[in-house]
N, C-alpha and C. Protein backbone atom coordinates (compact mmCIF):
# COMPACT_ATOMS: atom_id res chain seq x y z
N UNK A 1 0.80 -1.18 0.00
CA UNK A 1 0.00 0.00 0.00
C UNK A 1 0.86 1.26 0.00
N UNK A 2 1.98 1.23 0.71
CA UNK A 2 2.83 2.40 0.82
C UNK A 2 3.49 2.79 -0.50
N UNK A 3 3.65 1.81 -1.38
CA UNK A 3 4.35 2.15 -2.61
C UNK A 3 3.49 3.02 -3.52
N UNK A 4 2.17 3.11 -3.32
CA UNK A 4 1.30 3.98 -4.11
C UNK A 4 0.95 5.27 -3.37
N UNK A 5 1.63 5.49 -2.28
CA UNK A 5 1.33 6.63 -1.41
C UNK A 5 1.45 7.97 -2.16
N UNK A 6 2.44 8.12 -3.01
CA UNK A 6 2.68 9.38 -3.70
C UNK A 6 2.14 9.40 -5.14
N UNK A 7 1.48 8.32 -5.54
CA UNK A 7 0.95 8.24 -6.90
C UNK A 7 0.00 9.39 -7.25
N UNK A 8 -0.96 9.75 -6.40
CA UNK A 8 -1.84 10.87 -6.75
C UNK A 8 -1.06 12.18 -6.93
N UNK A 9 -0.06 12.42 -6.10
CA UNK A 9 0.73 13.66 -6.22
C UNK A 9 1.53 13.66 -7.51
N UNK A 10 2.11 12.51 -7.88
CA UNK A 10 2.88 12.40 -9.11
C UNK A 10 1.97 12.59 -10.32
N UNK A 11 0.79 11.96 -10.30
CA UNK A 11 -0.15 12.11 -11.42
C UNK A 11 -0.64 13.55 -11.54
N UNK A 12 -0.90 14.19 -10.42
CA UNK A 12 -1.33 15.59 -10.44
C UNK A 12 -0.23 16.48 -11.02
N UNK A 13 1.02 16.25 -10.60
CA UNK A 13 2.15 17.03 -11.11
C UNK A 13 2.32 16.81 -12.60
N UNK A 14 2.17 15.58 -13.06
CA UNK A 14 2.30 15.28 -14.49
C UNK A 14 1.18 15.96 -15.29
N UNK A 15 -0.02 15.92 -14.75
CA UNK A 15 -1.15 16.57 -15.41
C UNK A 15 -0.93 18.08 -15.49
N UNK A 16 -0.50 18.66 -14.40
CA UNK A 16 -0.24 20.09 -14.35
C UNK A 16 0.87 20.47 -15.33
N UNK A 17 1.92 19.69 -15.41
CA UNK A 17 3.02 19.96 -16.34
C UNK A 17 2.51 19.89 -17.78
N UNK A 18 1.67 18.93 -18.08
CA UNK A 18 1.10 18.81 -19.42
C UNK A 18 0.27 20.01 -19.80
N UNK A 19 -0.51 20.50 -18.86
CA UNK A 19 -1.34 21.68 -19.11
C UNK A 19 -0.46 22.90 -19.34
N UNK A 20 0.56 23.09 -18.54
CA UNK A 20 1.46 24.23 -18.68
C UNK A 20 2.16 24.20 -20.03
N UNK A 21 2.68 23.03 -20.41
CA UNK A 21 3.38 22.94 -21.69
C UNK A 21 2.44 23.14 -22.86
N UNK A 22 1.23 22.61 -22.80
CA UNK A 22 0.30 22.78 -23.91
C UNK A 22 -0.15 24.23 -24.03
N UNK A 23 -0.27 24.93 -22.91
CA UNK A 23 -0.63 26.35 -22.97
C UNK A 23 0.49 27.17 -23.59
N UNK A 24 1.72 26.84 -23.25
CA UNK A 24 2.84 27.57 -23.83
C UNK A 24 2.89 27.35 -25.33
N UNK A 25 2.65 26.13 -25.80
CA UNK A 25 2.65 25.87 -27.24
C UNK A 25 1.53 26.64 -27.92
N UNK A 26 0.38 26.74 -27.29
CA UNK A 26 -0.75 27.44 -27.88
C UNK A 26 -0.56 28.95 -27.91
N UNK A 27 0.28 29.46 -27.03
CA UNK A 27 0.52 30.90 -26.98
C UNK A 27 1.52 31.37 -28.02
N UNK A 28 2.20 30.45 -28.69
CA UNK A 28 3.19 30.83 -29.68
C UNK A 28 2.50 31.50 -30.86
N UNK A 29 3.15 32.54 -31.37
CA UNK A 29 2.64 33.24 -32.54
C UNK A 29 3.26 32.62 -33.78
N UNK A 30 2.45 32.31 -34.74
CA UNK A 30 2.91 31.72 -35.99
C UNK A 30 3.19 32.85 -36.98
N UNK A 31 4.47 33.13 -37.28
CA UNK A 31 4.79 34.23 -38.19
C UNK A 31 4.19 34.06 -39.59
N UNK A 32 4.08 32.83 -40.06
CA UNK A 32 3.48 32.62 -41.39
C UNK A 32 2.01 33.04 -41.38
N UNK A 33 1.29 32.65 -40.35
CA UNK A 33 -0.12 33.04 -40.23
C UNK A 33 -0.25 34.55 -40.07
N UNK A 34 0.65 35.15 -39.30
CA UNK A 34 0.63 36.61 -39.14
C UNK A 34 0.90 37.29 -40.47
N UNK A 35 1.80 36.73 -41.27
CA UNK A 35 2.09 37.29 -42.59
C UNK A 35 0.90 37.21 -43.53
N UNK A 36 0.21 36.08 -43.51
CA UNK A 36 -1.00 35.94 -44.33
C UNK A 36 -2.05 36.96 -43.92
N UNK A 37 -2.19 37.13 -42.61
CA UNK A 37 -3.16 38.09 -42.10
C UNK A 37 -2.78 39.51 -42.51
N UNK A 38 -1.51 39.86 -42.40
CA UNK A 38 -1.05 41.19 -42.80
C UNK A 38 -1.25 41.42 -44.29
N UNK A 39 -0.97 40.41 -45.09
CA UNK A 39 -1.17 40.52 -46.54
C UNK A 39 -2.63 40.71 -46.89
N UNK A 40 -3.50 39.97 -46.22
CA UNK A 40 -4.94 40.11 -46.46
C UNK A 40 -5.42 41.49 -46.04
N UNK A 41 -4.88 42.01 -44.93
CA UNK A 41 -5.26 43.36 -44.49
C UNK A 41 -4.80 44.42 -45.49
N UNK A 42 -3.60 44.23 -46.04
CA UNK A 42 -3.08 45.16 -47.04
C UNK A 42 -3.97 45.14 -48.28
N UNK A 43 -4.34 43.95 -48.74
CA UNK A 43 -5.21 43.83 -49.91
C UNK A 43 -6.58 44.45 -49.65
N UNK A 44 -7.12 44.22 -48.48
CA UNK A 44 -8.43 44.78 -48.14
C UNK A 44 -8.37 46.30 -48.14
N UNK A 45 -7.29 46.86 -47.65
CA UNK A 45 -7.14 48.31 -47.62
C UNK A 45 -7.11 48.86 -49.05
N UNK A 46 -6.28 48.26 -49.89
CA UNK A 46 -6.17 48.72 -51.28
C UNK A 46 -7.52 48.61 -51.99
N UNK A 47 -8.22 47.51 -51.76
CA UNK A 47 -9.51 47.29 -52.42
C UNK A 47 -10.60 48.22 -51.90
N UNK A 48 -10.40 48.80 -50.74
CA UNK A 48 -11.44 49.65 -50.15
C UNK A 48 -11.54 51.02 -50.82
N UNK A 49 -10.57 51.36 -51.65
CA UNK A 49 -10.59 52.65 -52.35
C UNK A 49 -10.83 52.42 -53.83
N UNK A 50 -11.66 53.26 -54.41
CA UNK A 50 -11.98 53.15 -55.83
C UNK A 50 -11.21 54.19 -56.61
N UNK A 51 -10.49 53.72 -57.62
CA UNK A 51 -9.72 54.64 -58.46
C UNK A 51 -10.67 55.53 -59.26
N UNK A 52 -10.31 56.80 -59.40
CA UNK A 52 -11.17 57.68 -60.20
C UNK A 52 -11.09 57.32 -61.68
N UNK A 53 -12.21 57.46 -62.34
CA UNK A 53 -12.30 57.19 -63.78
C UNK A 53 -12.21 58.52 -64.51
N UNK A 54 -11.25 58.70 -65.42
CA UNK A 54 -11.11 59.98 -66.12
C UNK A 54 -12.38 60.40 -66.85
N UNK A 55 -13.19 59.44 -67.28
CA UNK A 55 -14.42 59.76 -68.00
C UNK A 55 -15.44 60.46 -67.12
N UNK A 56 -15.29 60.36 -65.82
CA UNK A 56 -16.25 60.98 -64.90
C UNK A 56 -15.88 62.41 -64.51
N UNK A 57 -14.83 62.96 -65.11
CA UNK A 57 -14.38 64.31 -64.75
C UNK A 57 -14.39 65.22 -65.98
N UNK A 58 -14.81 66.46 -65.79
CA UNK A 58 -14.93 67.36 -66.93
C UNK A 58 -13.59 67.81 -67.52
N UNK A 59 -12.54 67.78 -66.72
CA UNK A 59 -11.24 68.21 -67.24
C UNK A 59 -10.11 67.47 -66.53
N UNK A 60 -8.92 67.63 -67.09
CA UNK A 60 -7.74 66.94 -66.57
C UNK A 60 -7.40 67.37 -65.14
N UNK A 61 -7.56 68.65 -64.86
CA UNK A 61 -7.21 69.17 -63.53
C UNK A 61 -8.08 68.53 -62.43
N UNK A 62 -9.38 68.41 -62.69
CA UNK A 62 -10.25 67.81 -61.67
C UNK A 62 -9.95 66.32 -61.51
N UNK A 63 -9.61 65.65 -62.62
CA UNK A 63 -9.22 64.25 -62.52
C UNK A 63 -7.93 64.11 -61.71
N UNK A 64 -6.95 64.96 -61.98
CA UNK A 64 -5.68 64.91 -61.25
C UNK A 64 -5.90 65.13 -59.75
N UNK A 65 -6.79 66.05 -59.43
CA UNK A 65 -7.09 66.32 -58.01
C UNK A 65 -7.71 65.08 -57.36
N UNK A 66 -8.65 64.46 -58.07
CA UNK A 66 -9.29 63.25 -57.55
C UNK A 66 -8.27 62.11 -57.43
N UNK A 67 -7.38 62.03 -58.40
CA UNK A 67 -6.37 60.99 -58.35
C UNK A 67 -5.41 61.19 -57.18
N UNK A 68 -5.08 62.42 -56.88
CA UNK A 68 -4.19 62.70 -55.74
C UNK A 68 -4.85 62.29 -54.41
N UNK A 69 -6.16 62.53 -54.32
CA UNK A 69 -6.89 62.09 -53.13
C UNK A 69 -6.83 60.57 -53.03
N UNK A 70 -7.04 59.92 -54.16
CA UNK A 70 -6.99 58.46 -54.22
C UNK A 70 -5.60 57.96 -53.82
N UNK A 71 -4.56 58.57 -54.37
CA UNK A 71 -3.19 58.17 -54.06
C UNK A 71 -2.89 58.37 -52.57
N UNK A 72 -3.38 59.47 -52.01
CA UNK A 72 -3.18 59.71 -50.58
C UNK A 72 -3.89 58.66 -49.74
N UNK A 73 -5.09 58.28 -50.16
CA UNK A 73 -5.83 57.22 -49.46
C UNK A 73 -5.04 55.91 -49.50
N UNK A 74 -4.52 55.56 -50.68
CA UNK A 74 -3.74 54.33 -50.80
C UNK A 74 -2.47 54.41 -49.95
N UNK A 75 -1.94 55.60 -49.82
CA UNK A 75 -0.75 55.78 -49.01
C UNK A 75 -0.94 55.43 -47.55
N UNK A 76 -2.19 55.35 -47.12
CA UNK A 76 -2.45 54.95 -45.74
C UNK A 76 -2.36 53.44 -45.55
N UNK A 77 -2.45 52.69 -46.64
CA UNK A 77 -2.49 51.22 -46.54
C UNK A 77 -1.27 50.60 -45.87
N UNK A 78 -0.05 51.07 -46.14
CA UNK A 78 1.07 50.46 -45.41
C UNK A 78 0.98 50.66 -43.90
N UNK A 79 0.13 51.55 -43.45
CA UNK A 79 -0.08 51.75 -42.02
C UNK A 79 -0.63 50.52 -41.33
N UNK A 80 -1.30 49.63 -42.09
CA UNK A 80 -1.81 48.40 -41.47
C UNK A 80 -0.67 47.51 -40.99
N UNK A 81 0.53 47.76 -41.49
CA UNK A 81 1.68 46.95 -41.09
C UNK A 81 2.28 47.38 -39.76
N UNK A 82 1.80 48.49 -39.21
CA UNK A 82 2.35 48.99 -37.95
C UNK A 82 2.33 47.97 -36.84
N UNK A 83 1.28 47.19 -36.77
CA UNK A 83 1.20 46.19 -35.69
C UNK A 83 2.06 44.95 -35.97
N UNK A 84 2.66 44.92 -37.15
CA UNK A 84 3.55 43.81 -37.51
C UNK A 84 5.00 44.26 -37.61
N UNK A 85 5.33 45.38 -36.97
CA UNK A 85 6.66 45.96 -37.13
C UNK A 85 7.79 45.06 -36.64
N UNK A 86 7.49 44.07 -35.83
CA UNK A 86 8.54 43.13 -35.43
C UNK A 86 8.92 42.21 -36.59
N UNK A 87 8.08 42.18 -37.64
CA UNK A 87 8.33 41.31 -38.79
C UNK A 87 8.68 42.06 -40.07
N UNK A 88 8.21 43.29 -40.21
CA UNK A 88 8.35 43.97 -41.50
C UNK A 88 8.35 45.48 -41.32
N UNK A 89 9.09 46.16 -42.18
CA UNK A 89 9.02 47.62 -42.25
C UNK A 89 8.76 48.00 -43.69
N UNK A 90 8.27 49.20 -43.88
CA UNK A 90 7.89 49.72 -45.19
C UNK A 90 8.81 50.88 -45.52
N UNK A 91 9.41 50.85 -46.73
CA UNK A 91 10.31 51.92 -47.14
C UNK A 91 10.12 52.19 -48.63
N UNK A 92 9.40 53.24 -48.94
CA UNK A 92 9.09 53.58 -50.33
C UNK A 92 10.37 53.87 -51.13
N UNK A 93 11.39 54.41 -50.47
CA UNK A 93 12.63 54.74 -51.18
C UNK A 93 13.41 53.49 -51.61
N UNK A 94 13.09 52.35 -51.04
CA UNK A 94 13.79 51.11 -51.38
C UNK A 94 13.25 50.47 -52.65
N UNK A 95 12.27 51.10 -53.28
CA UNK A 95 11.67 50.52 -54.50
C UNK A 95 12.74 50.24 -55.53
N UNK A 96 12.76 49.00 -56.03
CA UNK A 96 13.74 48.58 -57.02
C UNK A 96 13.01 47.99 -58.23
N UNK A 97 12.90 48.78 -59.32
CA UNK A 97 12.17 48.28 -60.48
C UNK A 97 12.85 47.08 -61.15
N UNK A 98 14.12 46.84 -60.85
CA UNK A 98 14.84 45.72 -61.44
C UNK A 98 14.72 44.44 -60.61
N UNK A 99 14.08 44.53 -59.46
CA UNK A 99 13.93 43.34 -58.60
C UNK A 99 13.04 42.31 -59.27
N UNK A 100 13.15 41.07 -58.82
CA UNK A 100 12.32 39.99 -59.38
C UNK A 100 10.84 40.35 -59.26
N UNK A 101 10.45 40.85 -58.13
CA UNK A 101 9.10 41.36 -57.93
C UNK A 101 9.25 42.74 -57.30
N UNK A 102 9.24 43.79 -58.13
CA UNK A 102 9.54 45.14 -57.64
C UNK A 102 8.67 45.61 -56.48
N UNK A 103 7.42 45.21 -56.45
CA UNK A 103 6.54 45.69 -55.40
C UNK A 103 7.03 45.27 -54.01
N UNK A 104 7.52 44.06 -53.90
CA UNK A 104 7.98 43.59 -52.59
C UNK A 104 9.29 44.26 -52.16
N UNK A 105 9.96 44.95 -53.08
CA UNK A 105 11.22 45.61 -52.70
C UNK A 105 11.00 46.76 -51.72
N UNK A 106 9.77 47.23 -51.58
CA UNK A 106 9.50 48.33 -50.65
C UNK A 106 9.26 47.82 -49.23
N UNK A 107 9.28 46.51 -49.06
CA UNK A 107 9.11 45.91 -47.74
C UNK A 107 10.42 45.28 -47.30
N UNK A 108 10.82 45.54 -46.07
CA UNK A 108 11.99 44.89 -45.49
C UNK A 108 11.47 43.88 -44.49
N UNK A 109 11.62 42.62 -44.85
CA UNK A 109 11.12 41.54 -44.00
C UNK A 109 12.20 41.13 -43.01
N UNK A 110 11.81 40.98 -41.76
CA UNK A 110 12.72 40.60 -40.69
C UNK A 110 12.59 39.13 -40.33
N UNK A 111 11.61 38.45 -40.94
CA UNK A 111 11.34 37.05 -40.62
C UNK A 111 10.91 36.35 -41.91
N UNK A 112 11.61 35.29 -42.27
CA UNK A 112 11.34 34.57 -43.53
C UNK A 112 9.95 33.94 -43.54
N UNK A 113 9.50 33.42 -42.39
CA UNK A 113 8.17 32.81 -42.34
C UNK A 113 7.08 33.87 -42.54
N UNK A 114 7.26 35.03 -41.92
CA UNK A 114 6.31 36.12 -42.11
C UNK A 114 6.30 36.56 -43.57
N UNK A 115 7.48 36.67 -44.17
CA UNK A 115 7.58 37.07 -45.58
C UNK A 115 6.81 36.09 -46.47
N UNK A 116 7.00 34.80 -46.22
CA UNK A 116 6.30 33.78 -47.00
C UNK A 116 4.79 33.94 -46.85
N UNK A 117 4.33 34.10 -45.63
CA UNK A 117 2.90 34.28 -45.38
C UNK A 117 2.37 35.56 -46.01
N UNK A 118 3.14 36.63 -45.92
CA UNK A 118 2.72 37.92 -46.49
C UNK A 118 2.56 37.80 -48.01
N UNK A 119 3.50 37.14 -48.64
CA UNK A 119 3.43 36.97 -50.10
C UNK A 119 2.24 36.08 -50.48
N UNK A 120 1.94 35.09 -49.67
CA UNK A 120 0.75 34.29 -49.92
C UNK A 120 -0.51 35.13 -49.72
N UNK A 121 -0.51 35.94 -48.68
CA UNK A 121 -1.67 36.78 -48.36
C UNK A 121 -1.95 37.86 -49.38
N UNK A 122 -0.90 38.33 -50.05
CA UNK A 122 -1.09 39.37 -51.07
C UNK A 122 -1.16 38.79 -52.47
N UNK A 123 -1.04 37.49 -52.60
CA UNK A 123 -1.04 36.86 -53.92
C UNK A 123 -2.27 37.18 -54.76
N UNK A 124 -3.44 37.22 -54.13
CA UNK A 124 -4.67 37.45 -54.87
C UNK A 124 -4.78 38.88 -55.40
N UNK A 125 -4.21 39.82 -54.70
CA UNK A 125 -4.38 41.21 -55.11
C UNK A 125 -3.10 41.82 -55.67
N UNK A 126 -2.06 41.04 -55.82
CA UNK A 126 -0.77 41.59 -56.20
C UNK A 126 -0.81 42.33 -57.54
N UNK A 127 -1.42 41.76 -58.55
CA UNK A 127 -1.45 42.40 -59.87
C UNK A 127 -2.16 43.75 -59.80
N UNK A 128 -3.28 43.80 -59.13
CA UNK A 128 -4.00 45.06 -59.00
C UNK A 128 -3.18 46.07 -58.21
N UNK A 129 -2.52 45.60 -57.15
CA UNK A 129 -1.70 46.50 -56.33
C UNK A 129 -0.51 47.01 -57.13
N UNK A 130 0.10 46.16 -57.95
CA UNK A 130 1.22 46.60 -58.79
C UNK A 130 0.77 47.67 -59.77
N UNK A 131 -0.40 47.49 -60.38
CA UNK A 131 -0.92 48.49 -61.33
C UNK A 131 -1.17 49.81 -60.62
N UNK A 132 -1.76 49.75 -59.45
CA UNK A 132 -2.01 50.97 -58.68
C UNK A 132 -0.70 51.64 -58.28
N UNK A 133 0.26 50.83 -57.88
CA UNK A 133 1.55 51.37 -57.47
C UNK A 133 2.23 52.07 -58.65
N UNK A 134 2.13 51.48 -59.83
CA UNK A 134 2.71 52.10 -61.03
C UNK A 134 2.02 53.43 -61.34
N UNK A 135 0.69 53.46 -61.19
CA UNK A 135 -0.04 54.71 -61.42
C UNK A 135 0.38 55.80 -60.44
N UNK A 136 0.76 55.40 -59.24
CA UNK A 136 1.17 56.36 -58.22
C UNK A 136 2.60 56.86 -58.45
N UNK A 137 3.27 56.33 -59.47
CA UNK A 137 4.60 56.82 -59.78
C UNK A 137 5.71 55.90 -59.32
N UNK A 138 5.41 54.73 -58.91
CA UNK A 138 6.42 53.80 -58.42
C UNK A 138 7.02 52.97 -59.54
N UNK A 139 7.42 53.60 -60.64
CA UNK A 139 7.99 52.83 -61.76
C UNK A 139 9.48 52.93 -61.76
């Protein structure tokens, strides 16, 4: 009988250790998932603004004014990355038109998993975002 005296305490300690370790694993942040989320947020921001149509304006000056408002609105989109600054920074001056994918040259990724997720997250809207970026003068 004495040899099972500490069995409940040992089982309780093992159970408690399992709970602690599983909670720690669940608290880990997945950089790839964070990257996908950031990419989706960037795409949603870009899609939330409608480009002005030149046919809807009586003259070039009014179209240019509307386009500048649009460009300024799009300029707010990299702000969604602020909460991901441990993974990525945004630098418009780093734009490299000779890069394999010039649009991504404006992002400095600090984590390869986040970068992979971000590229997956922006995959659906990349072509539209590249066209908008070119219109804004990023050529």
